[in-house]
PDB file of N, CA and C in Angstrom:
ATOM      1  N   UNK A   1     -13.491 -26.982 -72.823  1.00  0.00           N
ATOM      2  CA  UNK A   1     -11.891 -27.107 -72.562  1.00  0.00           C
ATOM      3  C   UNK A   1     -11.303 -25.709 -72.919  1.00  0.00           C
ATOM      4  N   UNK A   2     -11.556 -25.041 -73.917  1.00  0.00           N
ATOM      5  CA  UNK A   2     -10.960 -23.748 -74.201  1.00  0.00           C
ATOM      6  C   UNK A   2     -11.871 -22.760 -74.370  1.00  0.00           C
ATOM      7  N   UNK A   3     -11.454 -21.622 -73.673  1.00  0.00           N
ATOM      8  CA  UNK A   3     -12.275 -20.395 -73.802  1.00  0.00           C
ATOM      9  C   UNK A   3     -12.338 -19.969 -75.368  1.00  0.00           C
ATOM     10  N   UNK A   4     -13.317 -19.293 -75.571  1.00  0.00           N
ATOM     11  CA  UNK A   4     -13.610 -18.692 -76.885  1.00  0.00           C
ATOM     12  C   UNK A   4     -12.435 -17.921 -77.345  1.00  0.00           C
ATOM     13  N   UNK A   5     -11.892 -17.046 -76.473  1.00  0.00           N
ATOM     14  CA  UNK A   5     -10.871 -16.381 -76.921  1.00  0.00           C
ATOM     15  C   UNK A   5      -9.489 -17.084 -77.192  1.00  0.00           C
ATOM     16  N   UNK A   6      -9.278 -17.993 -76.583  1.00  0.00           N
ATOM     17  CA  UNK A   6      -8.296 -19.041 -76.753  1.00  0.00           C
ATOM     18  C   UNK A   6      -8.412 -19.554 -78.241  1.00  0.00           C
ATOM     19  N   UNK A   7      -9.613 -20.258 -78.387  1.00  0.00           N
ATOM     20  CA  UNK A   7      -9.780 -20.685 -79.860  1.00  0.00           C
ATOM     21  C   UNK A   7      -9.615 -19.541 -81.055  1.00  0.00           C
ATOM     22  N   UNK A   8     -10.175 -18.501 -80.666  1.00  0.00           N
ATOM     23  CA  UNK A   8     -10.023 -17.244 -81.685  1.00  0.00           C
ATOM     24  C   UNK A   8      -8.774 -16.970 -81.871  1.00  0.00           C
ATOM     25  N   UNK A   9      -7.825 -17.040 -80.916  1.00  0.00           N
ATOM     26  CA  UNK A   9      -6.325 -16.819 -81.124  1.00  0.00           C
ATOM     27  C   UNK A   9      -5.534 -17.917 -81.631  1.00  0.00           C
ATOM     28  N   UNK A  10      -6.236 -19.186 -81.679  1.00  0.00           N
ATOM     29  CA  UNK A  10      -5.574 -20.428 -82.396  1.00  0.00           C
ATOM     30  C   UNK A  10      -6.014 -20.181 -83.754  1.00  0.00           C
ATOM     31  N   UNK A  11      -6.975 -19.670 -84.068  1.00  0.00           N
ATOM     32  CA  UNK A  11      -7.552 -19.634 -85.540  1.00  0.00           C
ATOM     33  C   UNK A  11      -7.055 -18.286 -86.277  1.00  0.00           C
ATOM     34  N   UNK A  12      -6.336 -17.645 -85.811  1.00  0.00           N
ATOM     35  CA  UNK A  12      -5.933 -16.200 -86.349  1.00  0.00           C
ATOM     36  C   UNK A  12      -4.590 -16.360 -86.814  1.00  0.00           C
ATOM     37  N   UNK A  13      -4.581 -15.545 -88.048  1.00  0.00           N
ATOM     38  CA  UNK A  13      -2.995 -15.523 -88.710  1.00  0.00           C
ATOM     39  C   UNK A  13      -2.157 -14.964 -88.026  1.00  0.00           C
ATOM     40  N   UNK A  14      -0.810 -15.683 -87.597  1.00  0.00           N
ATOM     41  CA  UNK A  14       0.235 -15.084 -86.642  1.00  0.00           C
ATOM     42  C   UNK A  14       1.425 -14.853 -87.527  1.00  0.00           C
ATOM     43  N   UNK A  15       1.351 -14.740 -88.871  1.00  0.00           N
ATOM     44  CA  UNK A  15       2.440 -14.492 -89.612  1.00  0.00           C
ATOM     45  C   UNK A  15       2.348 -13.130 -89.962  1.00  0.00           C
ATOM     46  N   UNK A  16       3.591 -12.301 -90.109  1.00  0.00           N
ATOM     47  CA  UNK A  16       3.807 -10.974 -90.361  1.00  0.00           C
ATOM     48  C   UNK A  16       3.168 -10.816 -91.896  1.00  0.00           C
ATOM     49  N   UNK A  17       2.641  -9.546 -92.142  1.00  0.00           N
ATOM     50  CA  UNK A  17       2.178  -9.369 -93.522  1.00  0.00           C
ATOM     51  C   UNK A  17       3.378  -9.567 -94.690  1.00  0.00           C
ATOM     52  N   UNK A  18       4.689  -9.589 -94.314  1.00  0.00           N
ATOM     53  CA  UNK A  18       5.717  -9.700 -95.284  1.00  0.00           C
ATOM     54  C   UNK A  18       5.776 -11.116 -95.563  1.00  0.00           C
ATOM     55  N   UNK A  19       5.338 -12.018 -94.944  1.00  0.00           N
ATOM     56  CA  UNK A  19       5.405 -13.370 -95.422  1.00  0.00           C
ATOM     57  C   UNK A  19       4.091 -13.623 -96.247  1.00  0.00           C
ATOM     58  N   UNK A  20       4.549 -13.916 -97.475  1.00  0.00           N
ATOM     59  CA  UNK A  20       3.262 -14.214 -98.574  1.00  0.00           C
ATOM     60  C   UNK A  20       2.979 -15.601 -98.768  1.00  0.00           C
ATOM     61  N   UNK A  21       3.873 -16.408 -98.483  1.00  0.00           N
ATOM     62  CA  UNK A  21       3.885 -17.760 -98.810  1.00  0.00           C
ATOM     63  C   UNK A  21       4.235 -18.808 -97.682  1.00  0.00           C
ATOM     64  N   UNK A  22       3.266 -19.730 -97.236  1.00  0.00           N
ATOM     65  CA  UNK A  22       3.595 -20.642 -96.114  1.00  0.00           C
ATOM     66  C   UNK A  22       4.337 -21.880 -96.496  1.00  0.00           C
ATOM     67  N   UNK A  23       4.550 -22.075 -97.992  1.00  0.00           N
ATOM     68  CA  UNK A  23       5.182 -23.336 -98.287  1.00  0.00           C
ATOM     69  C   UNK A  23       5.932 -23.165 -99.684  1.00  0.00           C
ATOM     70  N   UNK A  24       6.051 -24.241-100.437  1.00  0.00           N
ATOM     71  CA  UNK A  24       6.844 -24.268-101.517  1.00  0.00           C
ATOM     72  C   UNK A  24       6.003 -23.797-102.906  1.00  0.00           C
ATOM     73  N   UNK A  25       4.831 -23.469-102.729  1.00  0.00           N
ATOM     74  CA  UNK A  25       4.018 -23.149-103.966  1.00  0.00           C
ATOM     75  C   UNK A  25       3.946 -21.558-103.593  1.00  0.00           C
ATOM     76  N   UNK A  26       3.931 -20.941-104.925  1.00  0.00           N
ATOM     77  CA  UNK A  26       3.821 -19.427-104.752  1.00  0.00           C
ATOM     78  C   UNK A  26       2.245 -19.133-104.746  1.00  0.00           C
ATOM     79  N   UNK A  27       1.357 -19.817-104.868  1.00  0.00           N
ATOM     80  CA  UNK A  27      -0.107 -19.598-105.108  1.00  0.00           C
ATOM     81  C   UNK A  27      -1.014 -19.698-103.909  1.00  0.00           C
ATOM     82  N   UNK A  28      -0.322 -19.596-102.601  1.00  0.00           N
ATOM     83  CA  UNK A  28      -1.102 -19.906-101.502  1.00  0.00           C
ATOM     84  C   UNK A  28      -1.574 -18.569-101.018  1.00  0.00           C
ATOM     85  N   UNK A  29      -2.345 -17.859-101.856  1.00  0.00           N
ATOM     86  CA  UNK A  29      -3.009 -16.507-101.450  1.00  0.00           C
ATOM     87  C   UNK A  29      -4.015 -16.845-100.520  1.00  0.00           C
ATOM     88  N   UNK A  30      -3.862 -15.775 -99.461  1.00  0.00           N
ATOM     89  CA  UNK A  30      -5.002 -15.760 -98.413  1.00  0.00           C
ATOM     90  C   UNK A  30      -4.890 -16.889 -97.404  1.00  0.00           C
ATOM     91  N   UNK A  31      -3.617 -17.637 -97.286  1.00  0.00           N
ATOM     92  CA  UNK A  31      -3.443 -18.635 -96.358  1.00  0.00           C
ATOM     93  C   UNK A  31      -2.239 -18.181 -95.362  1.00  0.00           C
ATOM     94  N   UNK A  32      -2.769 -18.260 -94.162  1.00  0.00           N
ATOM     95  CA  UNK A  32      -1.615 -17.906 -93.021  1.00  0.00           C
ATOM     96  C   UNK A  32      -1.432 -19.199 -92.015  1.00  0.00           C
ATOM     97  N   UNK A  33      -0.890 -18.854 -90.966  1.00  0.00           N
ATOM     98  CA  UNK A  33      -0.748 -19.776 -90.018  1.00  0.00           C
ATOM     99  C   UNK A  33      -1.144 -19.474 -88.771  1.00  0.00           C
ATOM    100  N   UNK A  34      -1.962 -20.237 -87.974  1.00  0.00           N
ATOM    101  CA  UNK A  34      -2.407 -20.051 -86.582  1.00  0.00           C
ATOM    102  C   UNK A  34      -1.511 -20.856 -85.687  1.00  0.00           C
ATOM    103  N   UNK A  35      -2.007 -21.183 -84.616  1.00  0.00           N
ATOM    104  CA  UNK A  35      -1.295 -22.034 -83.631  1.00  0.00           C
ATOM    105  C   UNK A  35      -1.879 -23.417 -83.826  1.00  0.00           C
ATOM    106  N   UNK A  36      -0.994 -24.149 -84.805  1.00  0.00           N
ATOM    107  CA  UNK A  36      -1.127 -25.650 -84.880  1.00  0.00           C
ATOM    108  C   UNK A  36      -1.687 -25.916 -86.430  1.00  0.00           C
ATOM    109  N   UNK A  37      -2.277 -24.931 -87.164  1.00  0.00           N
ATOM    110  CA  UNK A  37      -2.751 -25.449 -88.581  1.00  0.00           C
ATOM    111  C   UNK A  37      -2.855 -24.002 -89.408  1.00  0.00           C
ATOM    112  N   UNK A  38      -2.860 -24.333 -90.684  1.00  0.00           N
ATOM    113  CA  UNK A  38      -3.043 -23.297 -91.631  1.00  0.00           C
ATOM    114  C   UNK A  38      -4.569 -22.449 -91.384  1.00  0.00           C
ATOM    115  N   UNK A  39      -4.508 -21.155 -91.668  1.00  0.00           N
ATOM    116  CA  UNK A  39      -5.741 -20.480 -91.557  1.00  0.00           C
ATOM    117  C   UNK A  39      -6.095 -19.745 -92.721  1.00  0.00           C
ATOM    118  N   UNK A  40      -7.169 -19.518 -93.119  1.00  0.00           N
ATOM    119  CA  UNK A  40      -7.582 -18.937 -94.561  1.00  0.00           C
ATOM    120  C   UNK A  40      -8.064 -17.482 -94.042  1.00  0.00           C
ATOM    121  N   UNK A  41      -7.377 -16.444 -94.286  1.00  0.00           N
ATOM    122  CA  UNK A  41      -7.907 -15.180 -93.920  1.00  0.00           C
ATOM    123  C   UNK A  41      -8.550 -14.455 -95.133  1.00  0.00           C
ATOM    124  N   UNK A  42      -8.647 -14.990 -96.186  1.00  0.00           N
ATOM    125  CA  UNK A  42      -9.440 -14.537 -97.329  1.00  0.00           C
ATOM    126  C   UNK A  42      -9.866 -15.904 -98.277  1.00  0.00           C
ATOM    127  N   UNK A  43     -10.962 -15.708 -98.797  1.00  0.00           N
ATOM    128  CA  UNK A  43     -11.330 -16.809 -99.777  1.00  0.00           C
ATOM    129  C   UNK A  43     -10.417 -16.986-101.013  1.00  0.00           C
ATOM    130  N   UNK A  44     -10.023 -18.236-101.336  1.00  0.00           N
ATOM    131  CA  UNK A  44      -9.259 -18.593-102.418  1.00  0.00           C
ATOM    132  C   UNK A  44      -9.498 -19.960-102.783  1.00  0.00           C
ATOM    133  N   UNK A  45      -9.025 -20.243-103.977  1.00  0.00           N
ATOM    134  CA  UNK A  45      -9.324 -21.570-104.522  1.00  0.00           C
ATOM    135  C   UNK A  45      -8.005 -22.424-104.499  1.00  0.00           C
ATOM    136  N   UNK A  46      -7.123 -22.023-103.621  1.00  0.00           N
ATOM    137  CA  UNK A  46      -5.793 -22.745-103.369  1.00  0.00           C
ATOM    138  C   UNK A  46      -6.204 -24.079-102.563  1.00  0.00           C
ATOM    139  N   UNK A  47      -5.468 -25.096-103.055  1.00  0.00           N
ATOM    140  CA  UNK A  47      -5.663 -26.411-102.476  1.00  0.00           C
ATOM    141  C   UNK A  47      -7.025 -26.982-102.501  1.00  0.00           C
ATOM    142  N   UNK A  48      -7.773 -26.935-101.398  1.00  0.00           N
ATOM    143  CA  UNK A  48      -9.093 -27.690-101.611  1.00  0.00           C
ATOM    144  C   UNK A  48     -10.184 -26.453-101.612  1.00  0.00           C
ATOM    145  N   UNK A  49      -9.555 -25.281-101.729  1.00  0.00           N
ATOM    146  CA  UNK A  49     -10.635 -24.028-101.842  1.00  0.00           C
ATOM    147  C   UNK A  49     -11.153 -23.926-100.331  1.00  0.00           C
ATOM    148  N   UNK A  50     -11.984 -22.848-100.210  1.00  0.00           N
ATOM    149  CA  UNK A  50     -12.655 -22.581 -98.889  1.00  0.00           C
ATOM    150  C   UNK A  50     -13.028 -21.271 -98.607  1.00  0.00           C
ATOM    151  N   UNK A  51     -13.569 -21.057 -97.549  1.00  0.00           N
ATOM    152  CA  UNK A  51     -13.975 -19.744 -97.056  1.00  0.00           C
ATOM    153  C   UNK A  51     -13.047 -19.084 -96.023  1.00  0.00           C
ATOM    154  N   UNK A  52     -13.314 -17.588 -96.046  1.00  0.00           N
ATOM    155  CA  UNK A  52     -12.553 -17.037 -95.069  1.00  0.00           C
ATOM    156  C   UNK A  52     -12.736 -17.488 -93.699  1.00  0.00           C
ATOM    157  N   UNK A  53     -11.937 -17.638 -92.754  1.00  0.00           N
ATOM    158  CA  UNK A  53     -12.116 -17.981 -91.425  1.00  0.00           C
ATOM    159  C   UNK A  53     -11.999 -19.658 -91.169  1.00  0.00           C
ATOM    160  N   UNK A  54     -11.856 -20.356 -92.143  1.00  0.00           N
ATOM    161  CA  UNK A  54     -11.402 -21.798 -92.065  1.00  0.00           C
ATOM    162  C   UNK A  54     -10.028 -21.987 -91.427  1.00  0.00           C
ATOM    163  N   UNK A  55      -9.760 -23.162 -90.909  1.00  0.00           N
ATOM    164  CA  UNK A  55      -8.470 -23.535 -90.465  1.00  0.00           C
ATOM    165  C   UNK A  55      -8.558 -25.049 -90.742  1.00  0.00           C
ATOM    166  N   UNK A  56      -7.255 -25.490 -90.927  1.00  0.00           N
ATOM    167  CA  UNK A  56      -7.282 -26.974 -91.082  1.00  0.00           C
ATOM    168  C   UNK A  56      -5.696 -27.280 -91.599  1.00  0.00           C
ATOM    169  N   UNK A  57      -5.598 -28.786 -91.778  1.00  0.00           N
ATOM    170  CA  UNK A  57      -4.229 -29.162 -92.106  1.00  0.00           C
ATOM    171  C   UNK A  57      -4.177 -30.469 -92.880  1.00  0.00           C
ATOM    172  N   UNK A  58      -3.507 -30.676 -93.785  1.00  0.00           N
ATOM    173  CA  UNK A  58      -3.361 -32.072 -94.525  1.00  0.00           C
ATOM    174  C   UNK A  58      -2.203 -32.847 -94.044  1.00  0.00           C
ATOM    175  N   UNK A  59      -2.307 -34.063 -93.991  1.00  0.00           N
ATOM    176  CA  UNK A  59      -0.890 -34.773 -93.783  1.00  0.00           C
ATOM    177  C   UNK A  59      -0.707 -35.733 -94.814  1.00  0.00           C
ATOM    178  N   UNK A  60       0.220 -36.606 -94.584  1.00  0.00           N
ATOM    179  CA  UNK A  60       0.556 -37.693 -95.559  1.00  0.00           C
ATOM    180  C   UNK A  60      -0.508 -38.575 -95.800  1.00  0.00           C
ATOM    181  N   UNK A  61      -0.596 -39.259 -96.943  1.00  0.00           N
ATOM    182  CA  UNK A  61      -1.450 -40.239 -97.423  1.00  0.00           C
ATOM    183  C   UNK A  61      -3.000 -39.589 -97.702  1.00  0.00           C
ATOM    184  N   UNK A  62      -2.994 -38.411 -98.128  1.00  0.00           N
ATOM    185  CA  UNK A  62      -4.227 -37.640 -98.460  1.00  0.00           C
ATOM    186  C   UNK A  62      -5.210 -37.469 -97.020  1.00  0.00           C
ATOM    187  N   UNK A  63      -4.710 -37.183 -95.987  1.00  0.00           N
ATOM    188  CA  UNK A  63      -5.397 -37.048 -94.802  1.00  0.00           C
ATOM    189  C   UNK A  63      -5.635 -35.531 -94.697  1.00  0.00           C
ATOM    190  N   UNK A  64      -6.803 -35.059 -94.171  1.00  0.00           N
ATOM    191  CA  UNK A  64      -7.010 -33.674 -94.191  1.00  0.00           C
ATOM    192  C   UNK A  64      -8.197 -33.432 -93.193  1.00  0.00           C
ATOM    193  N   UNK A  65      -8.280 -32.271 -92.632  1.00  0.00           N
ATOM    194  CA  UNK A  65      -9.207 -31.791 -91.853  1.00  0.00           C
ATOM    195  C   UNK A  65      -9.420 -30.328 -91.945  1.00  0.00           C
ATOM    196  N   UNK A  66     -10.547 -29.670 -91.760  1.00  0.00           N
ATOM    197  CA  UNK A  66     -10.905 -28.525 -91.674  1.00  0.00           C
ATOM    198  C   UNK A  66     -12.068 -28.098 -90.922  1.00  0.00           C
ATOM    199  N   UNK A  67     -11.874 -26.730 -90.278  1.00  0.00           N
ATOM    200  CA  UNK A  67     -12.916 -26.388 -89.296  1.00  0.00           C
ATOM    201  C   UNK A  67     -13.364 -25.075 -89.747  1.00  0.00           C
ATOM    202  N   UNK A  68     -14.688 -24.856 -89.877  1.00  0.00           N
ATOM    203  CA  UNK A  68     -15.267 -23.730 -90.084  1.00  0.00           C
ATOM    204  C   UNK A  68     -15.902 -23.186 -88.709  1.00  0.00           C
ATOM    205  N   UNK A  69     -15.611 -22.472 -87.949  1.00  0.00           N
ATOM    206  CA  UNK A  69     -16.196 -21.917 -86.728  1.00  0.00           C
ATOM    207  C   UNK A  69     -17.456 -21.151 -87.074  1.00  0.00           C
ATOM    208  N   UNK A  70     -17.271 -20.447 -88.053  1.00  0.00           N
ATOM    209  CA  UNK A  70     -18.475 -19.518 -88.687  1.00  0.00           C
ATOM    210  C   UNK A  70     -19.569 -20.391 -88.926  1.00  0.00           C
ATOM    211  N   UNK A  71     -19.418 -21.552 -89.532  1.00  0.00           N
ATOM    212  CA  UNK A  71     -20.445 -22.464 -90.120  1.00  0.00           C
ATOM    213  C   UNK A  71     -20.821 -23.492 -89.140  1.00  0.00           C
ATOM    214  N   UNK A  72     -20.011 -23.614 -88.019  1.00  0.00           N
ATOM    215  CA  UNK A  72     -20.147 -24.768 -86.978  1.00  0.00           C
ATOM    216  C   UNK A  72     -19.929 -26.042 -87.612  1.00  0.00           C
ATOM    217  N   UNK A  73     -18.856 -26.229 -88.417  1.00  0.00           N
ATOM    218  CA  UNK A  73     -18.512 -27.423 -89.098  1.00  0.00           C
ATOM    219  C   UNK A  73     -17.024 -27.893 -88.939  1.00  0.00           C
ATOM    220  N   UNK A  74     -17.071 -28.958 -88.829  1.00  0.00           N
ATOM    221  CA  UNK A  74     -15.610 -29.740 -88.774  1.00  0.00           C
ATOM    222  C   UNK A  74     -15.772 -30.949 -89.787  1.00  0.00           C
ATOM    223  N   UNK A  75     -14.805 -31.004 -90.601  1.00  0.00           N
ATOM    224  CA  UNK A  75     -14.747 -32.106 -91.585  1.00  0.00           C
ATOM    225  C   UNK A  75     -13.471 -32.794 -91.360  1.00  0.00           C
ATOM    226  N   UNK A  76     -13.480 -34.159 -91.508  1.00  0.00           N
ATOM    227  CA  UNK A  76     -12.197 -34.903 -91.433  1.00  0.00           C
ATOM    228  C   UNK A  76     -12.190 -36.167 -92.714  1.00  0.00           C
ATOM    229  N   UNK A  77     -11.171 -35.958 -93.480  1.00  0.00           N
ATOM    230  CA  UNK A  77     -11.120 -37.142 -94.522  1.00  0.00           C
ATOM    231  C   UNK A  77      -9.728 -37.931 -94.254  1.00  0.00           C
ATOM    232  N   UNK A  78      -9.856 -39.082 -94.115  1.00  0.00           N
ATOM    233  CA  UNK A  78      -8.744 -40.112 -93.920  1.00  0.00           C
ATOM    234  C   UNK A  78      -8.664 -40.949 -95.082  1.00  0.00           C
ATOM    235  N   UNK A  79      -7.704 -40.917 -96.031  1.00  0.00           N
ATOM    236  CA  UNK A  79      -7.471 -41.747 -97.089  1.00  0.00           C
ATOM    237  C   UNK A  79      -6.202 -42.198 -97.028  1.00  0.00           C
ATOM    238  N   UNK A  80      -6.026 -43.393 -97.834  1.00  0.00           N
ATOM    239  CA  UNK A  80      -4.612 -43.917 -97.605  1.00  0.00           C
ATOM    240  C   UNK A  80      -4.236 -43.837 -99.141  1.00  0.00           C
ATOM    241  N   UNK A  81      -3.775 -42.534 -99.575  1.00  0.00           N
ATOM    242  CA  UNK A  81      -3.507 -42.462-100.947  1.00  0.00           C
ATOM    243  C   UNK A  81      -2.280 -41.376-101.130  1.00  0.00           C
ATOM    244  N   UNK A  82      -1.210 -42.138-101.783  1.00  0.00           N
ATOM    245  CA  UNK A  82       0.061 -41.031-101.960  1.00  0.00           C
ATOM    246  C   UNK A  82       0.210 -41.024-103.519  1.00  0.00           C
ATOM    247  N   UNK A  83       0.690 -39.961-104.143  1.00  0.00           N
ATOM    248  CA  UNK A  83       0.863 -38.737-103.152  1.00  0.00           C
ATOM    249  C   UNK A  83      -0.296 -37.969-102.764  1.00  0.00           C
ATOM    250  N   UNK A  84      -0.059 -37.047-101.951  1.00  0.00           N
ATOM    251  CA  UNK A  84      -1.019 -36.163-101.493  1.00  0.00           C
ATOM    252  C   UNK A  84      -2.028 -35.585-102.624  1.00  0.00           C
ATOM    253  N   UNK A  85      -3.314 -35.560-102.762  1.00  0.00           N
ATOM    254  CA  UNK A  85      -4.129 -34.762-103.718  1.00  0.00           C
ATOM    255  C   UNK A  85      -5.346 -34.309-103.037  1.00  0.00           C
ATOM    256  N   UNK A  86      -5.809 -33.254-103.417  1.00  0.00           N
ATOM    257  CA  UNK A  86      -6.990 -32.608-103.082  1.00  0.00           C
ATOM    258  C   UNK A  86      -8.489 -32.839-103.608  1.00  0.00           C
ATOM    259  N   UNK A  87      -8.473 -33.875-104.538  1.00  0.00           N
ATOM    260  CA  UNK A  87      -9.794 -33.875-105.313  1.00  0.00           C
ATOM    261  C   UNK A  87     -10.914 -34.068-104.277  1.00  0.00           C
ATOM    262  N   UNK A  88     -10.941 -34.935-103.143  1.00  0.00           N
ATOM    263  CA  UNK A  88     -11.881 -35.370-102.436  1.00  0.00           C
ATOM    264  C   UNK A  88     -12.258 -34.116-101.412  1.00  0.00           C
ATOM    265  N   UNK A  89     -11.327 -33.562-101.047  1.00  0.00           N
ATOM    266  CA  UNK A  89     -11.705 -32.298-100.206  1.00  0.00           C
ATOM    267  C   UNK A  89     -12.445 -31.070-100.950  1.00  0.00           C
ATOM    268  N   UNK A  90     -11.913 -30.942-102.112  1.00  0.00           N
ATOM    269  CA  UNK A  90     -12.753 -29.920-103.089  1.00  0.00           C
ATOM    270  C   UNK A  90     -14.257 -30.336-103.255  1.00  0.00           C
ATOM    271  N   UNK A  91     -14.328 -31.706-103.655  1.00  0.00           N
ATOM    272  CA  UNK A  91     -15.616 -32.025-103.884  1.00  0.00           C
ATOM    273  C   UNK A  91     -16.549 -32.047-102.596  1.00  0.00           C
ATOM    274  N   UNK A  92     -15.939 -32.534-101.579  1.00  0.00           N
ATOM    275  CA  UNK A  92     -16.818 -32.554-100.337  1.00  0.00           C
ATOM    276  C   UNK A  92     -17.145 -31.195 -99.845  1.00  0.00           C
ATOM    277  N   UNK A  93     -16.095 -30.091 -99.763  1.00  0.00           N
ATOM    278  CA  UNK A  93     -16.487 -28.718 -99.637  1.00  0.00           C
ATOM    279  C   UNK A  93     -17.513 -28.332-100.363  1.00  0.00           C
ATOM    280  N   UNK A  94     -17.298 -28.463-101.597  1.00  0.00           N
ATOM    281  CA  UNK A  94     -18.409 -27.913-102.528  1.00  0.00           C
ATOM    282  C   UNK A  94     -19.831 -28.414-102.250  1.00  0.00           C
ATOM    283  N   UNK A  95     -19.808 -29.804-101.978  1.00  0.00           N
ATOM    284  CA  UNK A  95     -21.098 -30.466-101.546  1.00  0.00           C
ATOM    285  C   UNK A  95     -21.739 -29.983-100.156  1.00  0.00           C
ATOM    286  N   UNK A  96     -20.850 -29.754 -99.326  1.00  0.00           N
ATOM    287  CA  UNK A  96     -21.403 -29.493 -97.877  1.00  0.00           C
ATOM    288  C   UNK A  96     -21.782 -27.938 -98.125  1.00  0.00           C
ATOM    289  N   UNK A  97     -20.947 -27.059 -98.522  1.00  0.00           N
ATOM    290  CA  UNK A  97     -21.227 -25.611 -98.467  1.00  0.00           C
ATOM    291  C   UNK A  97     -22.507 -25.296 -99.407  1.00  0.00           C
ATOM    292  N   UNK A  98     -22.670 -25.958-100.447  1.00  0.00           N
ATOM    293  CA  UNK A  98     -23.802 -25.971-101.361  1.00  0.00           C
ATOM    294  C   UNK A  98     -25.011 -26.388-100.675  1.00  0.00           C
ATOM    295  N   UNK A  99     -24.961 -27.597 -99.886  1.00  0.00           N
ATOM    296  CA  UNK A  99     -26.225 -28.039 -99.276  1.00  0.00           C
ATOM    297  C   UNK A  99     -26.483 -26.950 -98.110  1.00  0.00           C
ATOM    298  N   UNK A 100     -25.626 -26.425 -97.428  1.00  0.00           N
ATOM    299  CA  UNK A 100     -25.814 -25.528 -96.421  1.00  0.00           C
ATOM    300  C   UNK A 100     -26.603 -24.177 -96.844  1.00  0.00           C
ATOM    301  N   UNK A 101     -26.246 -23.906 -98.105  1.00  0.00           N
ATOM    302  CA  UNK A 101     -26.880 -22.548 -98.512  1.00  0.00           C
ATOM    303  C   UNK A 101     -28.333 -22.707 -99.044  1.00  0.00           C
ATOM    304  N   UNK A 102     -28.626 -24.109 -99.220  1.00  0.00           N
ATOM    305  CA  UNK A 102     -30.083 -24.453 -99.910  1.00  0.00           C
ATOM    306  C   UNK A 102     -31.144 -24.154 -98.938  1.00  0.00           C
TER     307      UNK A 102
END
């Protein structure tokens, strides 16, 4: 459906270097914005943690998805929990990435 170049463009950070923060928290180091979702341009522990090159987004009621094109991975969590919290995503990422490295 989409050319590789289009997907690469969507998953690239399009914010200028002068924008250091994409939200209300000052600790979103390594997080930028692509076409439609946040992109991680360096590894960090912010939010659910993650690897460079991931993209994803969280929504209301603790819904979340992330894509790691490098690892061939798509994960979706759909919970009905307010306020939003990251516990499941952090634990799931750790389990998945640890299993992939074994």
